Amino acid sequence: LPAATAALDAETRWLGEPLTAPARKDKPLVLAFIAPGPGIKDAKALSALADKWAMSSVNVIGVCDASAKWDTFTKVAASNKLTFAAMHDKLSDDAAKENETPEGKLAPKRGNLADALGVKTFPTYIVIDAEGKVRAAGVKADKLDAVIDAVLSASPTRSSKTK
């Protein structure tokens, strides 16, 4: 997923400590595409899961919609006690201009990371395994824990460490 990796590594605003490529290496990753408003309603439950998953070396990154106001997102994230890092997805200048056209308003670009992974609505959750393969997309928030358990148990990295 070169486009997704490039979007994750792009210079952008972060809430919390940025999760750099070395910090993400060889660990499963949950991308939580969220935006201020109803889409962040799962934040408290997701924060508790992120804290639990940290013990299994699972990274969680919140991805704020590129069109959302970052100041609003950070206030909503604080009031919902978001405990994991979150980044503001970037939108290229060309995509931002395209969004202003009548056609673009019908199907707006969501941000470089969201577009690279085909995310159209928020909230959306994507689980990527330690080898960088998307293992689940569009997972319901209440099913994330079971998906992470399955990804961890199937991880060759984990299996080789336990031998």
Protein backbone atom coordinates (compact mmCIF):
# COMPACT_ATOMS: atom_id res chain seq x y z
CA LEU A 1 0.00 0.00 0.00
CA PRO A 2 2.54 2.62 -1.10
CA ALA A 3 -0.02 5.45 -1.32
CA ALA A 4 -1.32 4.68 2.19
CA THR A 5 2.22 4.49 3.57
CA ALA A 6 3.09 7.82 1.94
CA ALA A 7 -0.05 9.40 3.42
CA LEU A 8 0.78 8.04 6.89
CA ASP A 9 4.31 9.41 6.63
CA ALA A 10 3.29 12.82 5.21
CA GLU A 11 3.89 15.97 7.19
CA THR A 12 0.61 16.71 8.98
CA ARG A 13 -0.89 17.72 12.31
CA TRP A 14 -1.09 15.15 15.09
CA LEU A 15 -2.97 14.88 18.33
CA GLY A 16 -0.67 12.98 20.65
CA GLU A 17 2.68 11.51 19.63
CA PRO A 18 3.01 10.86 15.87
CA LEU A 19 3.25 7.18 14.99
CA THR A 20 6.25 7.13 12.69
CA ALA A 21 7.17 4.33 10.30
CA PRO A 22 9.68 2.76 12.77
CA ALA A 23 7.03 2.75 15.52
CA ARG A 24 4.54 1.04 13.18
CA LYS A 25 6.99 -1.53 11.83
CA ASP A 26 6.11 -5.21 12.42
CA LYS A 27 2.96 -4.35 14.40
CA PRO A 28 -0.70 -4.62 13.49
CA LEU A 29 -2.39 -1.28 12.91
CA VAL A 30 -5.97 -0.14 13.40
CA LEU A 31 -6.89 2.94 11.41
CA ALA A 32 -9.95 4.66 12.86
CA PHE A 33 -11.27 7.13 10.30
CA ILE A 34 -13.26 9.51 12.47
CA ALA A 35 -14.57 13.06 12.28
CA PRO A 36 -16.09 15.45 14.79
CA GLY A 37 -19.77 14.83 15.35
CA PRO A 38 -21.63 11.54 15.46
CA GLY A 39 -18.68 9.68 13.92
CA ILE A 40 -16.59 10.05 17.07
CA LYS A 41 -19.20 8.44 19.33
CA ASP A 42 -17.17 5.24 19.58
CA ALA A 43 -14.07 7.09 20.83
CA LYS A 44 -14.39 6.14 24.51
CA ALA A 45 -14.80 2.44 23.76
CA LEU A 46 -12.07 2.56 21.13
CA SER A 47 -9.72 4.28 23.58
CA ALA A 48 -10.21 1.46 26.09
CA LEU A 49 -9.50 -1.11 23.37
CA ALA A 50 -6.44 0.83 22.19
CA ASP A 51 -5.07 0.78 25.74
CA LYS A 52 -5.66 -2.99 25.92
CA TRP A 53 -4.15 -3.61 22.47
CA ALA A 54 -1.03 -1.60 23.32
CA MET A 55 -0.04 -4.53 25.56
CA SER A 56 -0.06 -6.72 22.43
CA SER A 57 1.92 -4.13 20.42
CA VAL A 58 -1.06 -3.13 18.29
CA ASN A 59 -0.99 0.47 17.09
CA VAL A 60 -4.11 2.58 16.72
CA ILE A 61 -4.24 5.79 14.72
CA GLY A 62 -7.25 8.04 14.54
CA VAL A 63 -7.54 9.66 11.12
CA CYS A 64 -9.46 12.92 11.07
CA ASP A 65 -11.32 13.70 7.84
CA ALA A 66 -9.31 16.13 5.71
CA SER A 67 -12.31 18.41 5.31
CA ALA A 68 -12.97 18.59 9.07
CA LYS A 69 -11.77 21.57 11.08
CA TRP A 70 -8.77 20.36 13.07
CA ASP A 71 -9.51 22.66 16.05
CA THR A 72 -13.01 21.23 16.31
CA PHE A 73 -11.67 17.68 16.06
CA THR A 74 -9.12 18.21 18.86
CA LYS A 75 -11.81 19.67 21.16
CA VAL A 76 -14.21 16.81 20.46
CA ALA A 77 -11.39 14.27 20.88
CA ALA A 78 -10.47 15.76 24.26
CA SER A 79 -14.07 15.78 25.49
CA ASN A 80 -14.41 12.12 24.40
CA LYS A 81 -11.12 11.23 26.12
CA LEU A 82 -9.34 9.93 23.03
CA THR A 83 -6.21 8.11 24.32
CA PHE A 84 -4.60 7.14 21.01
CA ALA A 85 -2.73 9.30 18.51
CA ALA A 86 -4.72 10.94 15.73
CA MET A 87 -3.61 12.61 12.54
CA HIS A 88 -5.30 15.10 10.24
CA ASP A 89 -5.56 13.47 6.82
CA LYS A 90 -4.19 15.74 4.12
CA LEU A 91 -5.93 16.68 0.93
CA SER A 92 -3.83 17.65 -2.07
CA ASP A 93 -4.39 21.12 -3.50
CA ASP A 94 -5.73 19.58 -6.72
CA ALA A 95 -8.20 17.42 -4.79
CA ALA A 96 -9.32 20.41 -2.71
CA LYS A 97 -10.00 22.37 -5.92
CA GLU A 98 -11.81 19.39 -7.40
CA ASN A 99 -14.04 19.21 -4.30
CA GLU A 100 -15.23 22.74 -5.07
CA THR A 101 -16.65 21.77 -8.46
CA PRO A 102 -20.29 20.62 -8.76
CA GLU A 103 -19.10 17.10 -9.62
CA GLY A 104 -16.64 17.12 -6.73
CA LYS A 105 -19.35 18.07 -4.27
CA LEU A 106 -21.30 14.97 -5.26
CA ALA A 107 -18.35 12.63 -4.57
CA PRO A 108 -15.75 14.61 -2.61
CA LYS A 109 -12.20 13.44 -2.03
CA ARG A 110 -11.75 12.56 1.64
CA GLY A 111 -7.97 12.91 2.11
CA ASN A 112 -4.87 11.19 0.81
CA LEU A 113 -5.00 8.28 3.29
CA ALA A 114 -8.77 7.84 3.05
CA ASP A 115 -8.62 7.93 -0.75
CA ALA A 116 -5.69 5.47 -0.86
CA LEU A 117 -7.75 2.98 1.17
CA GLY A 118 -11.11 3.69 -0.47
CA VAL A 119 -12.73 5.23 2.62
CA LYS A 120 -15.88 7.15 1.72
CA THR A 121 -17.72 7.47 5.04
CA PHE A 122 -16.80 8.19 8.64
CA PRO A 123 -16.47 6.36 10.95
CA THR A 124 -14.66 3.55 9.15
CA TYR A 125 -12.23 1.12 10.75
CA ILE A 126 -9.46 -0.71 8.89
CA VAL A 127 -7.20 -3.39 10.37
CA ILE A 128 -3.78 -3.96 8.84
CA ASP A 129 -1.62 -6.89 9.96
CA ALA A 130 2.05 -6.74 10.97
CA GLU A 131 3.11 -7.57 7.42
CA GLY A 132 1.20 -4.57 6.00
CA LYS A 133 -1.78 -6.41 4.49
CA VAL A 134 -5.29 -5.09 4.98
CA ARG A 135 -7.09 -7.84 6.89
CA ALA A 136 -10.41 -6.12 7.52
CA ALA A 137 -12.10 -2.95 6.31
CA GLY A 138 -15.43 -1.46 7.25
CA VAL A 139 -15.41 -3.34 10.55
CA LYS A 140 -18.10 -2.33 13.04
CA ALA A 141 -16.62 -0.83 16.20
CA ASP A 142 -18.09 -3.58 18.38
CA LYS A 143 -16.35 -6.26 16.28
CA LEU A 144 -12.85 -4.72 16.32
CA ASP A 145 -11.64 -6.61 19.38
CA ALA A 146 -12.50 -9.99 17.82
CA VAL A 147 -10.83 -8.99 14.53
CA ILE A 148 -7.66 -7.90 16.35
CA ASP A 149 -7.59 -11.19 18.28
CA ALA A 150 -7.85 -13.11 14.98
CA VAL A 151 -5.13 -11.00 13.33
CA LEU A 152 -2.82 -11.45 16.31
CA SER A 153 -3.35 -15.20 16.49
CA ALA A 154 -2.67 -15.58 12.75
CA SER A 155 0.45 -13.40 12.78
CA PRO A 156 3.58 -15.28 11.62
CA THR A 157 5.66 -12.78 13.58
CA ARG A 158 3.83 -13.69 16.78
CA SER A 159 3.97 -17.42 15.99
CA SER A 160 7.74 -17.33 15.40
CA LYS A 161 8.25 -15.43 18.68
CA THR A 162 6.34 -18.01 20.66
CA LYS A 163 8.37 -20.98 19.33
